[in-house]
């Protein structure tokens, strides 16, 4: 039960983190102002930290999925 709730929380968090990323080109991100980029190259510290947090949350999310799968298989 606890892992299912954690999965819901981490799934929502992962969706929010992915949506916070800056668009890298065309697509839906341009529709919401993602196309207006400054001419300054490189990533800011905030963008790099957002990338790191997103990776960590995605790894925890994947670990929860695997743990739930093992628990369901053993039942």
PDB file of N, CA and C in Angstrom:
ATOM      1  N   UNK A   1       0.826  -1.195   0.000  1.00  0.00           N
ATOM      2  CA  UNK A   1       0.000   0.000   0.000  1.00  0.00           C
ATOM      3  C   UNK A   1       0.869   1.257   0.000  1.00  0.00           C
ATOM      4  N   UNK A   2       1.927   1.217   0.817  1.00  0.00           N
ATOM      5  CA  UNK A   2       2.803   2.378   0.911  1.00  0.00           C
ATOM      6  C   UNK A   2       3.546   2.662  -0.392  1.00  0.00           C
ATOM      7  N   UNK A   3       3.962   1.580  -1.077  1.00  0.00           N
ATOM      8  CA  UNK A   3       4.664   1.777  -2.354  1.00  0.00           C
ATOM      9  C   UNK A   3       3.725   2.304  -3.431  1.00  0.00           C
ATOM     10  N   UNK A   4       2.451   1.918  -3.360  1.00  0.00           N
ATOM     11  CA  UNK A   4       1.492   2.419  -4.343  1.00  0.00           C
ATOM     12  C   UNK A   4       1.286   3.921  -4.181  1.00  0.00           C
ATOM     13  N   UNK A   5       1.222   4.371  -2.944  1.00  0.00           N
ATOM     14  CA  UNK A   5       1.074   5.808  -2.688  1.00  0.00           C
ATOM     15  C   UNK A   5       2.341   6.543  -3.110  1.00  0.00           C
ATOM     16  N   UNK A   6       3.500   5.958  -2.813  1.00  0.00           N
ATOM     17  CA  UNK A   6       4.766   6.568  -3.228  1.00  0.00           C
ATOM     18  C   UNK A   6       4.851   6.645  -4.747  1.00  0.00           C
ATOM     19  N   UNK A   7       4.342   5.605  -5.431  1.00  0.00           N
ATOM     20  CA  UNK A   7       4.348   5.613  -6.890  1.00  0.00           C
ATOM     21  C   UNK A   7       3.488   6.749  -7.431  1.00  0.00           C
ATOM     22  N   UNK A   8       2.325   6.963  -6.843  1.00  0.00           N
ATOM     23  CA  UNK A   8       1.465   8.066  -7.276  1.00  0.00           C
ATOM     24  C   UNK A   8       2.144   9.416  -7.066  1.00  0.00           C
ATOM     25  N   UNK A   9       2.772   9.589  -5.915  1.00  0.00           N
ATOM     26  CA  UNK A   9       3.437  10.853  -5.614  1.00  0.00           C
ATOM     27  C   UNK A   9       4.609  11.088  -6.561  1.00  0.00           C
ATOM     28  N   UNK A  10       5.446  10.064  -6.753  1.00  0.00           N
ATOM     29  CA  UNK A  10       6.606  10.235  -7.624  1.00  0.00           C
ATOM     30  C   UNK A  10       6.195  10.381  -9.089  1.00  0.00           C
ATOM     31  N   UNK A  11       5.090   9.760  -9.491  1.00  0.00           N
ATOM     32  CA  UNK A  11       4.609   9.925 -10.860  1.00  0.00           C
ATOM     33  C   UNK A  11       4.188  11.369 -11.111  1.00  0.00           C
ATOM     34  N   UNK A  12       3.435  11.932 -10.185  1.00  0.00           N
ATOM     35  CA  UNK A  12       3.032  13.332 -10.315  1.00  0.00           C
ATOM     36  C   UNK A  12       4.218  14.276 -10.288  1.00  0.00           C
ATOM     37  N   UNK A  13       5.158  14.005  -9.405  1.00  0.00           N
ATOM     38  CA  UNK A  13       6.355  14.837  -9.309  1.00  0.00           C
ATOM     39  C   UNK A  13       7.174  14.762 -10.596  1.00  0.00           C
ATOM     40  N   UNK A  14       7.282  13.563 -11.156  1.00  0.00           N
ATOM     41  CA  UNK A  14       8.045  13.393 -12.395  1.00  0.00           C
ATOM     42  C   UNK A  14       7.392  14.152 -13.550  1.00  0.00           C
ATOM     43  N   UNK A  15       6.073  14.097 -13.628  1.00  0.00           N
ATOM     44  CA  UNK A  15       5.363  14.839 -14.677  1.00  0.00           C
ATOM     45  C   UNK A  15       5.630  16.338 -14.533  1.00  0.00           C
ATOM     46  N   UNK A  16       5.533  16.850 -13.310  1.00  0.00           N
ATOM     47  CA  UNK A  16       5.777  18.276 -13.092  1.00  0.00           C
ATOM     48  C   UNK A  16       7.210  18.664 -13.438  1.00  0.00           C
ATOM     49  N   UNK A  17       8.167  17.834 -13.055  1.00  0.00           N
ATOM     50  CA  UNK A  17       9.567  18.145 -13.349  1.00  0.00           C
ATOM     51  C   UNK A  17       9.838  18.149 -14.855  1.00  0.00           C
ATOM     52  N   UNK A  18       9.260  17.193 -15.577  1.00  0.00           N
ATOM     53  CA  UNK A  18       9.465  17.145 -17.022  1.00  0.00           C
ATOM     54  C   UNK A  18       8.834  18.364 -17.683  1.00  0.00           C
ATOM     55  N   UNK A  19       7.670  18.768 -17.214  1.00  0.00           N
ATOM     56  CA  UNK A  19       7.006  19.935 -17.796  1.00  0.00           C
ATOM     57  C   UNK A  19       7.748  21.236 -17.500  1.00  0.00           C
ATOM     58  N   UNK A  20       8.549  21.267 -16.446  1.00  0.00           N
ATOM     59  CA  UNK A  20       9.303  22.471 -16.102  1.00  0.00           C
ATOM     60  C   UNK A  20      10.525  22.669 -17.003  1.00  0.00           C
ATOM     61  N   UNK A  21      10.945  21.631 -17.708  1.00  0.00           N
ATOM     62  CA  UNK A  21      12.130  21.743 -18.556  1.00  0.00           C
ATOM     63  C   UNK A  21      11.883  22.677 -19.723  1.00  0.00           C
ATOM     64  N   UNK A  22      12.946  23.336 -20.119  1.00  0.00           N
ATOM     65  CA  UNK A  22      12.885  24.242 -21.250  1.00  0.00           C
ATOM     66  C   UNK A  22      12.846  23.433 -22.535  1.00  0.00           C
ATOM     67  N   UNK A  23      12.029  23.859 -23.486  1.00  0.00           N
ATOM     68  CA  UNK A  23      11.945  23.174 -24.768  1.00  0.00           C
ATOM     69  C   UNK A  23      13.224  23.318 -25.564  1.00  0.00           C
ATOM     70  N   UNK A  24      13.624  22.276 -26.272  1.00  0.00           N
ATOM     71  CA  UNK A  24      14.873  22.300 -27.039  1.00  0.00           C
ATOM     72  C   UNK A  24      14.629  22.524 -28.524  1.00  0.00           C
ATOM     73  N   UNK A  25      13.440  22.845 -28.911  1.00  0.00           N
ATOM     74  CA  UNK A  25      13.167  23.057 -30.327  1.00  0.00           C
ATOM     75  C   UNK A  25      11.696  23.270 -30.545  1.00  0.00           C
ATOM     76  N   UNK A  26      11.223  22.894 -31.709  1.00  0.00           N
ATOM     77  CA  UNK A  26       9.815  23.049 -32.031  1.00  0.00           C
ATOM     78  C   UNK A  26       8.957  22.122 -31.202  1.00  0.00           C
ATOM     79  N   UNK A  27       7.688  22.187 -31.439  1.00  0.00           N
ATOM     80  CA  UNK A  27       6.758  21.318 -30.731  1.00  0.00           C
ATOM     81  C   UNK A  27       5.837  22.101 -29.835  1.00  0.00           C
ATOM     82  N   UNK A  28       5.260  21.421 -28.903  1.00  0.00           N
ATOM     83  CA  UNK A  28       4.265  22.045 -28.040  1.00  0.00           C
ATOM     84  C   UNK A  28       4.855  23.085 -27.110  1.00  0.00           C
ATOM     85  N   UNK A  29       6.148  22.996 -26.805  1.00  0.00           N
ATOM     86  CA  UNK A  29       6.743  23.969 -25.893  1.00  0.00           C
ATOM     87  C   UNK A  29       6.744  25.371 -26.502  1.00  0.00           C
ATOM     88  N   UNK A  30       6.810  25.472 -27.823  1.00  0.00           N
ATOM     89  CA  UNK A  30       6.762  26.780 -28.474  1.00  0.00           C
ATOM     90  C   UNK A  30       5.410  27.454 -28.281  1.00  0.00           C
ATOM     91  N   UNK A  31       4.372  26.652 -28.162  1.00  0.00           N
ATOM     92  CA  UNK A  31       3.037  27.201 -28.016  1.00  0.00           C
ATOM     93  C   UNK A  31       2.894  27.956 -26.701  1.00  0.00           C
ATOM     94  N   UNK A  32       3.643  27.562 -25.690  1.00  0.00           N
ATOM     95  CA  UNK A  32       3.532  28.165 -24.373  1.00  0.00           C
ATOM     96  C   UNK A  32       4.709  29.082 -24.058  1.00  0.00           C
ATOM     97  N   UNK A  33       5.386  29.592 -25.062  1.00  0.00           N
ATOM     98  CA  UNK A  33       6.476  30.528 -24.832  1.00  0.00           C
ATOM     99  C   UNK A  33       7.836  29.890 -24.747  1.00  0.00           C
ATOM    100  N   UNK A  34       7.952  28.599 -25.018  1.00  0.00           N
ATOM    101  CA  UNK A  34       9.241  27.927 -24.968  1.00  0.00           C
ATOM    102  C   UNK A  34      10.143  28.318 -26.120  1.00  0.00           C
ATOM    103  N   UNK A  35       9.583  28.901 -27.162  1.00  0.00           N
ATOM    104  CA  UNK A  35      10.370  29.286 -28.321  1.00  0.00           C
ATOM    105  C   UNK A  35      11.157  30.562 -28.123  1.00  0.00           C
ATOM    106  N   UNK A  36      10.829  31.344 -27.100  1.00  0.00           N
ATOM    107  CA  UNK A  36      11.523  32.598 -26.840  1.00  0.00           C
ATOM    108  C   UNK A  36      12.742  32.327 -25.983  1.00  0.00           C
ATOM    109  N   UNK A  37      13.861  32.105 -26.638  1.00  0.00           N
ATOM    110  CA  UNK A  37      15.086  31.789 -25.920  1.00  0.00           C
ATOM    111  C   UNK A  37      16.062  32.939 -26.083  1.00  0.00           C
ATOM    112  N   UNK A  38      16.841  33.158 -25.050  1.00  0.00           N
ATOM    113  CA  UNK A  38      17.854  34.193 -25.139  1.00  0.00           C
ATOM    114  C   UNK A  38      19.031  33.683 -25.961  1.00  0.00           C
ATOM    115  N   UNK A  39      19.861  34.598 -26.397  1.00  0.00           N
ATOM    116  CA  UNK A  39      20.996  34.213 -27.232  1.00  0.00           C
ATOM    117  C   UNK A  39      22.176  33.713 -26.407  1.00  0.00           C
ATOM    118  N   UNK A  40      22.036  33.687 -25.096  1.00  0.00           N
ATOM    119  CA  UNK A  40      23.110  33.212 -24.233  1.00  0.00           C
ATOM    120  C   UNK A  40      23.167  31.691 -24.330  1.00  0.00           C
ATOM    121  N   UNK A  41      24.321  31.151 -24.651  1.00  0.00           N
ATOM    122  CA  UNK A  41      24.464  29.701 -24.788  1.00  0.00           C
ATOM    123  C   UNK A  41      24.730  29.042 -23.458  1.00  0.00           C
ATOM    124  N   UNK A  42      24.589  27.733 -23.437  1.00  0.00           N
ATOM    125  CA  UNK A  42      24.886  26.967 -22.236  1.00  0.00           C
ATOM    126  C   UNK A  42      23.700  26.847 -21.306  1.00  0.00           C
ATOM    127  N   UNK A  43      23.866  26.019 -20.301  1.00  0.00           N
ATOM    128  CA  UNK A  43      22.805  25.780 -19.333  1.00  0.00           C
ATOM    129  C   UNK A  43      23.101  26.535 -18.054  1.00  0.00           C
ATOM    130  N   UNK A  44      22.059  27.040 -17.455  1.00  0.00           N
ATOM    131  CA  UNK A  44      22.241  27.716 -16.177  1.00  0.00           C
ATOM    132  C   UNK A  44      22.331  26.683 -15.063  1.00  0.00           C
ATOM    133  N   UNK A  45      22.694  27.137 -13.901  1.00  0.00           N
ATOM    134  CA  UNK A  45      22.805  26.255 -12.744  1.00  0.00           C
ATOM    135  C   UNK A  45      21.433  25.677 -12.411  1.00  0.00           C
ATOM    136  N   UNK A  46      20.400  26.489 -12.524  1.00  0.00           N
ATOM    137  CA  UNK A  46      19.047  26.013 -12.219  1.00  0.00           C
ATOM    138  C   UNK A  46      18.629  24.897 -13.173  1.00  0.00           C
ATOM    139  N   UNK A  47      18.973  25.027 -14.451  1.00  0.00           N
ATOM    140  CA  UNK A  47      18.630  23.989 -15.426  1.00  0.00           C
ATOM    141  C   UNK A  47      19.381  22.692 -15.143  1.00  0.00           C
ATOM    142  N   UNK A  48      20.652  22.808 -14.793  1.00  0.00           N
ATOM    143  CA  UNK A  48      21.436  21.601 -14.472  1.00  0.00           C
ATOM    144  C   UNK A  48      20.894  20.922 -13.225  1.00  0.00           C
ATOM    145  N   UNK A  49      20.526  21.715 -12.216  1.00  0.00           N
ATOM    146  CA  UNK A  49      19.962  21.134 -11.001  1.00  0.00           C
ATOM    147  C   UNK A  49      18.612  20.484 -11.284  1.00  0.00           C
ATOM    148  N   UNK A  50      17.817  21.106 -12.149  1.00  0.00           N
ATOM    149  CA  UNK A  50      16.536  20.522 -12.532  1.00  0.00           C
ATOM    150  C   UNK A  50      16.750  19.197 -13.253  1.00  0.00           C
ATOM    151  N   UNK A  51      17.769  19.135 -14.095  1.00  0.00           N
ATOM    152  CA  UNK A  51      18.104  17.872 -14.769  1.00  0.00           C
ATOM    153  C   UNK A  51      18.476  16.798 -13.754  1.00  0.00           C
ATOM    154  N   UNK A  52      19.306  17.153 -12.790  1.00  0.00           N
ATOM    155  CA  UNK A  52      19.744  16.181 -11.780  1.00  0.00           C
ATOM    156  C   UNK A  52      18.575  15.694 -10.936  1.00  0.00           C
ATOM    157  N   UNK A  53      17.727  16.608 -10.512  1.00  0.00           N
ATOM    158  CA  UNK A  53      16.567  16.232  -9.692  1.00  0.00           C
ATOM    159  C   UNK A  53      15.634  15.330 -10.490  1.00  0.00           C
ATOM    160  N   UNK A  54      15.440  15.648 -11.766  1.00  0.00           N
ATOM    161  CA  UNK A  54      14.569  14.835 -12.611  1.00  0.00           C
ATOM    162  C   UNK A  54      15.128  13.426 -12.762  1.00  0.00           C
ATOM    163  N   UNK A  55      16.425  13.302 -12.930  1.00  0.00           N
ATOM    164  CA  UNK A  55      17.045  11.975 -13.066  1.00  0.00           C
ATOM    165  C   UNK A  55      16.888  11.174 -11.785  1.00  0.00           C
ATOM    166  N   UNK A  56      17.111  11.810 -10.639  1.00  0.00           N
ATOM    167  CA  UNK A  56      16.983  11.105  -9.364  1.00  0.00           C
ATOM    168  C   UNK A  56      15.541  10.651  -9.145  1.00  0.00           C
ATOM    169  N   UNK A  57      14.585  11.528  -9.414  1.00  0.00           N
ATOM    170  CA  UNK A  57      13.172  11.167  -9.239  1.00  0.00           C
ATOM    171  C   UNK A  57      12.792  10.043 -10.197  1.00  0.00           C
ATOM    172  N   UNK A  58      13.304  10.086 -11.432  1.00  0.00           N
ATOM    173  CA  UNK A  58      13.010   9.025 -12.397  1.00  0.00           C
ATOM    174  C   UNK A  58      13.597   7.684 -11.948  1.00  0.00           C
ATOM    175  N   UNK A  59      14.786   7.701 -11.376  1.00  0.00           N
ATOM    176  CA  UNK A  59      15.394   6.457 -10.877  1.00  0.00           C
ATOM    177  C   UNK A  59      14.614   5.889  -9.691  1.00  0.00           C
ATOM    178  N   UNK A  60      14.185   6.761  -8.785  1.00  0.00           N
ATOM    179  CA  UNK A  60      13.375   6.297  -7.654  1.00  0.00           C
ATOM    180  C   UNK A  60      12.045   5.743  -8.157  1.00  0.00           C
ATOM    181  N   UNK A  61      11.438   6.423  -9.133  1.00  0.00           N
ATOM    182  CA  UNK A  61      10.177   5.965  -9.736  1.00  0.00           C
ATOM    183  C   UNK A  61      10.348   4.572 -10.340  1.00  0.00           C
ATOM    184  N   UNK A  62      11.445   4.362 -11.076  1.00  0.00           N
ATOM    185  CA  UNK A  62      11.708   3.061 -11.685  1.00  0.00           C
ATOM    186  C   UNK A  62      11.939   1.992 -10.619  1.00  0.00           C
ATOM    187  N   UNK A  63      12.632   2.341  -9.541  1.00  0.00           N
ATOM    188  CA  UNK A  63      12.873   1.384  -8.464  1.00  0.00           C
ATOM    189  C   UNK A  63      11.563   0.980  -7.781  1.00  0.00           C
ATOM    190  N   UNK A  64      10.656   1.923  -7.618  1.00  0.00           N
ATOM    191  CA  UNK A  64       9.356   1.613  -7.029  1.00  0.00           C
ATOM    192  C   UNK A  64       8.575   0.676  -7.941  1.00  0.00           C
ATOM    193  N   UNK A  65       8.632   0.919  -9.263  1.00  0.00           N
ATOM    194  CA  UNK A  65       7.951   0.051 -10.224  1.00  0.00           C
ATOM    195  C   UNK A  65       8.485  -1.384 -10.107  1.00  0.00           C
ATOM    196  N   UNK A  66       9.804  -1.524 -10.054  1.00  0.00           N
ATOM    197  CA  UNK A  66      10.417  -2.854  -9.953  1.00  0.00           C
ATOM    198  C   UNK A  66      10.016  -3.515  -8.625  1.00  0.00           C
ATOM    199  N   UNK A  67      10.051  -2.762  -7.535  1.00  0.00           N
ATOM    200  CA  UNK A  67       9.695  -3.317  -6.229  1.00  0.00           C
ATOM    201  C   UNK A  67       8.235  -3.765  -6.208  1.00  0.00           C
ATOM    202  N   UNK A  68       7.351  -2.962  -6.798  1.00  0.00           N
ATOM    203  CA  UNK A  68       5.945  -3.359  -6.858  1.00  0.00           C
ATOM    204  C   UNK A  68       5.765  -4.613  -7.714  1.00  0.00           C
ATOM    205  N   UNK A  69       6.505  -4.719  -8.801  1.00  0.00           N
ATOM    206  CA  UNK A  69       6.438  -5.897  -9.642  1.00  0.00           C
ATOM    207  C   UNK A  69       6.890  -7.148  -8.921  1.00  0.00           C
ATOM    208  N   UNK A  70       7.968  -7.037  -8.155  1.00  0.00           N
ATOM    209  CA  UNK A  70       8.470  -8.184  -7.382  1.00  0.00           C
ATOM    210  C   UNK A  70       7.454  -8.576  -6.316  1.00  0.00           C
ATOM    211  N   UNK A  71       6.873  -7.579  -5.657  1.00  0.00           N
ATOM    212  CA  UNK A  71       5.884  -7.871  -4.621  1.00  0.00           C
ATOM    213  C   UNK A  71       4.636  -8.538  -5.214  1.00  0.00           C
ATOM    214  N   UNK A  72       4.204  -8.094  -6.372  1.00  0.00           N
ATOM    215  CA  UNK A  72       3.019  -8.681  -7.008  1.00  0.00           C
ATOM    216  C   UNK A  72       3.298 -10.102  -7.486  1.00  0.00           C
ATOM    217  N   UNK A  73       4.523 -10.337  -7.942  1.00  0.00           N
ATOM    218  CA  UNK A  73       4.882 -11.668  -8.426  1.00  0.00           C
ATOM    219  C   UNK A  73       4.947 -12.679  -7.278  1.00  0.00           C
ATOM    220  N   UNK A  74       5.410 -12.219  -6.122  1.00  0.00           N
ATOM    221  CA  UNK A  74       5.550 -13.116  -4.976  1.00  0.00           C
ATOM    222  C   UNK A  74       4.213 -13.451  -4.324  1.00  0.00           C
ATOM    223  N   UNK A  75       3.191 -12.642  -4.579  1.00  0.00           N
ATOM    224  CA  UNK A  75       1.867 -12.914  -3.976  1.00  0.00           C
ATOM    225  C   UNK A  75       1.137 -13.921  -4.755  1.00  0.00           C
TER     226      UNK A  75
END
